[in-house]
Amino acid sequence: SVVVQSVPSSLEVILIPPRIDIIVRGGIKELQSLSDSAFRATVPYGDIETDTTGRVTPQVISPHDVLVVSQKPDYLKYIVRKRL
């Protein structure tokens, strides 16, 4: 799942879609030992605040010896609403 960082406590952000698929490249040893938890996909709330297009690009954080070749989708739509 993609996580939105630093969301004000009075707001809630819904990402559409909430997950992305990534393709990675690396050595066989490195790839064998990987799990989903080795990767993080995030969107800083500041990117949403300054956005004028209605979509944001998630940032993928991966182990240093693994290269992220592509991610799908490239952009995520979002909805920001007040928490009830």
Protein backbone atom coordinates (compact mmCIF):
# COMPACT_ATOMS: atom_id res chain seq x y z
CA SER A 1 0.00 0.00 0.00
CA VAL A 2 1.05 3.57 -0.64
CA VAL A 3 1.28 5.69 2.53
CA VAL A 4 0.63 9.44 2.62
CA GLN A 5 3.08 11.06 5.04
CA SER A 6 2.44 14.03 7.33
CA VAL A 7 -1.33 14.26 6.83
CA PRO A 8 -2.87 16.78 9.25
CA SER A 9 -4.89 14.99 11.95
CA SER A 10 -8.10 16.75 10.85
CA LEU A 11 -7.85 15.34 7.30
CA GLU A 12 -7.93 11.98 5.59
CA VAL A 13 -6.41 11.18 2.18
CA ILE A 14 -7.69 8.37 -0.03
CA LEU A 15 -5.40 7.29 -2.87
CA ILE A 16 -6.82 5.77 -6.05
CA PRO A 17 -5.58 3.10 -6.51
CA PRO A 18 -4.18 2.52 -3.00
CA ARG A 19 -1.42 0.16 -4.25
CA ILE A 20 1.19 0.15 -7.02
CA ASP A 21 3.07 -2.63 -8.78
CA ILE A 22 6.83 -2.33 -9.23
CA ILE A 23 9.37 -4.14 -11.37
CA VAL A 24 12.87 -4.37 -9.91
CA ARG A 25 16.30 -5.44 -11.07
CA GLY A 26 19.14 -6.84 -8.99
CA GLY A 27 21.36 -9.84 -8.39
CA ILE A 28 19.83 -13.26 -7.83
CA LYS A 29 21.00 -13.37 -4.20
CA GLU A 30 19.51 -9.96 -3.45
CA LEU A 31 16.19 -10.72 -5.15
CA GLN A 32 15.78 -14.13 -3.47
CA SER A 33 15.90 -12.66 0.00
CA LEU A 34 13.43 -9.82 -0.68
CA SER A 35 9.93 -9.55 0.72
CA ASP A 36 7.21 -6.96 0.21
CA SER A 37 8.29 -5.26 3.42
CA ALA A 38 11.66 -4.38 1.83
CA PHE A 39 9.88 -1.71 -0.25
CA ARG A 40 7.93 1.38 0.75
CA ALA A 41 5.81 3.62 -1.44
CA THR A 42 5.02 7.05 -0.04
CA VAL A 43 3.50 10.38 -1.02
CA PRO A 44 4.37 13.44 1.07
CA TYR A 45 1.21 15.38 1.97
CA GLY A 46 3.03 18.53 0.79
CA ASP A 47 2.91 17.14 -2.77
CA ILE A 48 -0.88 16.95 -2.50
CA GLU A 49 -1.12 20.48 -1.08
CA THR A 50 0.85 21.98 -3.97
CA ASP A 51 -0.66 19.81 -6.71
CA THR A 52 -2.86 21.40 -9.39
CA THR A 53 -3.42 18.33 -11.59
CA GLY A 54 -5.39 16.02 -9.28
CA ARG A 55 -2.69 13.34 -9.31
CA VAL A 56 0.60 12.67 -7.53
CA THR A 57 3.63 10.44 -8.13
CA PRO A 58 4.49 7.99 -5.35
CA GLN A 59 8.11 7.70 -4.27
CA VAL A 60 9.37 4.12 -4.00
CA ILE A 61 12.05 3.37 -1.43
CA SER A 62 13.94 0.13 -2.09
CA PRO A 63 17.01 -1.65 -0.73
CA HIS A 64 20.24 0.00 -1.94
CA ASP A 65 21.28 -3.00 -4.08
CA VAL A 66 17.95 -3.25 -5.93
CA LEU A 67 16.95 -0.94 -8.80
CA VAL A 68 13.28 -0.05 -9.35
CA VAL A 69 12.86 -0.31 -13.13
CA SER A 70 9.19 0.73 -13.37
CA GLN A 71 6.06 1.30 -11.37
CA LYS A 72 2.43 1.07 -12.42
CA PRO A 73 0.51 3.22 -12.32
CA ASP A 74 2.90 6.15 -12.60
CA TYR A 75 0.42 8.50 -10.95
CA LEU A 76 -2.25 8.19 -8.27
CA LYS A 77 -5.45 10.20 -7.97
CA TYR A 78 -6.49 11.31 -4.52
CA ILE A 79 -9.38 12.55 -2.44
CA VAL A 80 -8.81 14.75 0.59
CA ARG A 81 -11.62 15.00 3.12
CA LYS A 82 -12.19 16.09 6.69
CA ARG A 83 -12.16 13.40 9.35
CA LEU A 84 -15.49 12.84 11.04
